[in-house]
């Protein structure tokens, strides 16, 4: 993983935070879009435990989340850093 890579019009992995995958893509207009999820082998992003656009935890039916608030805050922090600047530096 390269800290400064971002996929153009496709998501690219930037970091892992407590098992959560942090990904980002950059649109043709330069807008950054970031997402975070716990990879589970599901074929679609929505099939994985993830954070929605408001940073709220989404647990699909049939899955359970055993992490804590501290873990979620670390992931939310990574998402904020991801969205804030083109340069993303893992902590």
Protein backbone atom coordinates (compact mmCIF):
# COMPACT_ATOMS: atom_id res chain seq x y z
CA UNK A 1 0.00 0.00 0.00
CA UNK A 2 1.23 3.43 -0.88
CA UNK A 3 -0.06 6.21 1.42
CA UNK A 4 -0.58 8.64 -1.46
CA UNK A 5 -2.40 6.33 -3.89
CA UNK A 6 -6.04 6.90 -4.68
CA UNK A 7 -7.95 5.17 -7.42
CA UNK A 8 -9.39 7.29 -10.17
CA UNK A 9 -13.06 6.34 -10.44
CA UNK A 10 -12.46 3.11 -8.47
CA UNK A 11 -11.77 2.42 -4.82
CA UNK A 12 -8.18 1.73 -3.76
CA UNK A 13 -7.12 0.44 -0.36
CA UNK A 14 -5.24 3.06 1.65
CA UNK A 15 -5.01 1.61 5.14
CA UNK A 16 -6.21 -0.97 7.66
CA UNK A 17 -7.42 0.15 11.09
CA UNK A 18 -8.21 -2.61 13.60
CA UNK A 19 -9.13 -4.92 10.71
CA UNK A 20 -11.26 -2.27 8.96
CA UNK A 21 -10.33 -1.56 5.36
CA UNK A 22 -10.09 2.14 4.48
CA UNK A 23 -10.54 2.83 0.76
CA UNK A 24 -10.71 5.95 -1.37
CA UNK A 25 -11.45 6.94 -4.92
CA UNK A 26 -11.11 10.25 -6.69
CA UNK A 27 -13.70 11.31 -9.22
CA UNK A 28 -12.88 12.97 -12.53
CA UNK A 29 -13.91 16.25 -10.89
CA UNK A 30 -11.29 15.75 -8.14
CA UNK A 31 -13.82 14.93 -5.41
CA UNK A 32 -12.60 12.38 -2.86
CA UNK A 33 -14.86 9.56 -1.69
CA UNK A 34 -13.80 7.40 1.26
CA UNK A 35 -15.32 4.32 2.83
CA UNK A 36 -14.55 1.87 5.64
CA UNK A 37 -15.68 -1.72 6.08
CA UNK A 38 -14.78 -5.01 7.72
CA UNK A 39 -13.97 -7.44 4.90
CA UNK A 40 -15.96 -10.64 5.30
CA UNK A 41 -15.88 -12.27 1.89
CA UNK A 42 -19.22 -10.74 0.91
CA UNK A 43 -19.35 -9.96 -2.79
CA UNK A 44 -20.81 -6.48 -2.31
CA UNK A 45 -19.79 -3.58 -0.07
CA UNK A 46 -23.28 -3.53 1.46
CA UNK A 47 -22.83 -7.17 2.52
CA UNK A 48 -20.00 -6.17 4.87
CA UNK A 49 -20.17 -4.38 8.21
CA UNK A 50 -19.43 -0.76 7.31
CA UNK A 51 -19.91 2.87 8.23
CA UNK A 52 -22.54 4.83 6.32
CA UNK A 53 -22.09 8.37 4.95
CA UNK A 54 -22.83 9.79 8.42
CA UNK A 55 -20.27 7.54 10.13
CA UNK A 56 -22.94 5.31 11.65
CA UNK A 57 -22.36 1.58 11.99
CA UNK A 58 -24.28 -0.62 9.53
CA UNK A 59 -24.49 -4.34 10.37
CA UNK A 60 -26.12 -6.39 7.60
CA UNK A 61 -28.57 -9.09 8.55
CA UNK A 62 -26.83 -12.31 9.57
CA UNK A 63 -23.68 -10.52 10.75
CA UNK A 64 -22.66 -9.24 14.18
CA UNK A 65 -20.21 -6.59 15.35
CA UNK A 66 -18.16 -7.36 18.44
CA UNK A 67 -15.92 -4.28 18.38
CA UNK A 68 -16.14 -1.35 20.74
CA UNK A 69 -16.63 2.39 20.62
CA UNK A 70 -12.88 3.06 20.71
CA UNK A 71 -12.40 0.97 17.56
CA UNK A 72 -15.20 2.84 15.77
CA UNK A 73 -13.70 6.21 16.75
CA UNK A 74 -10.32 5.19 15.28
CA UNK A 75 -12.02 4.19 12.02
CA UNK A 76 -14.03 7.42 11.92
CA UNK A 77 -10.82 9.39 12.47
CA UNK A 78 -9.17 7.57 9.54
CA UNK A 79 -12.17 8.37 7.32
CA UNK A 80 -11.99 12.05 8.24
CA UNK A 81 -8.27 12.16 7.41
CA UNK A 82 -8.98 10.31 4.15
CA UNK A 83 -11.61 12.85 3.06
CA UNK A 84 -9.74 15.93 4.21
CA UNK A 85 -6.72 15.86 1.87
CA UNK A 86 -5.32 14.05 -1.15
CA UNK A 87 -2.33 13.00 0.96
CA UNK A 88 -3.32 10.30 3.45
CA UNK A 89 -0.77 9.26 6.03
CA UNK A 90 -1.51 6.12 8.06
CA UNK A 91 -0.94 6.55 11.81
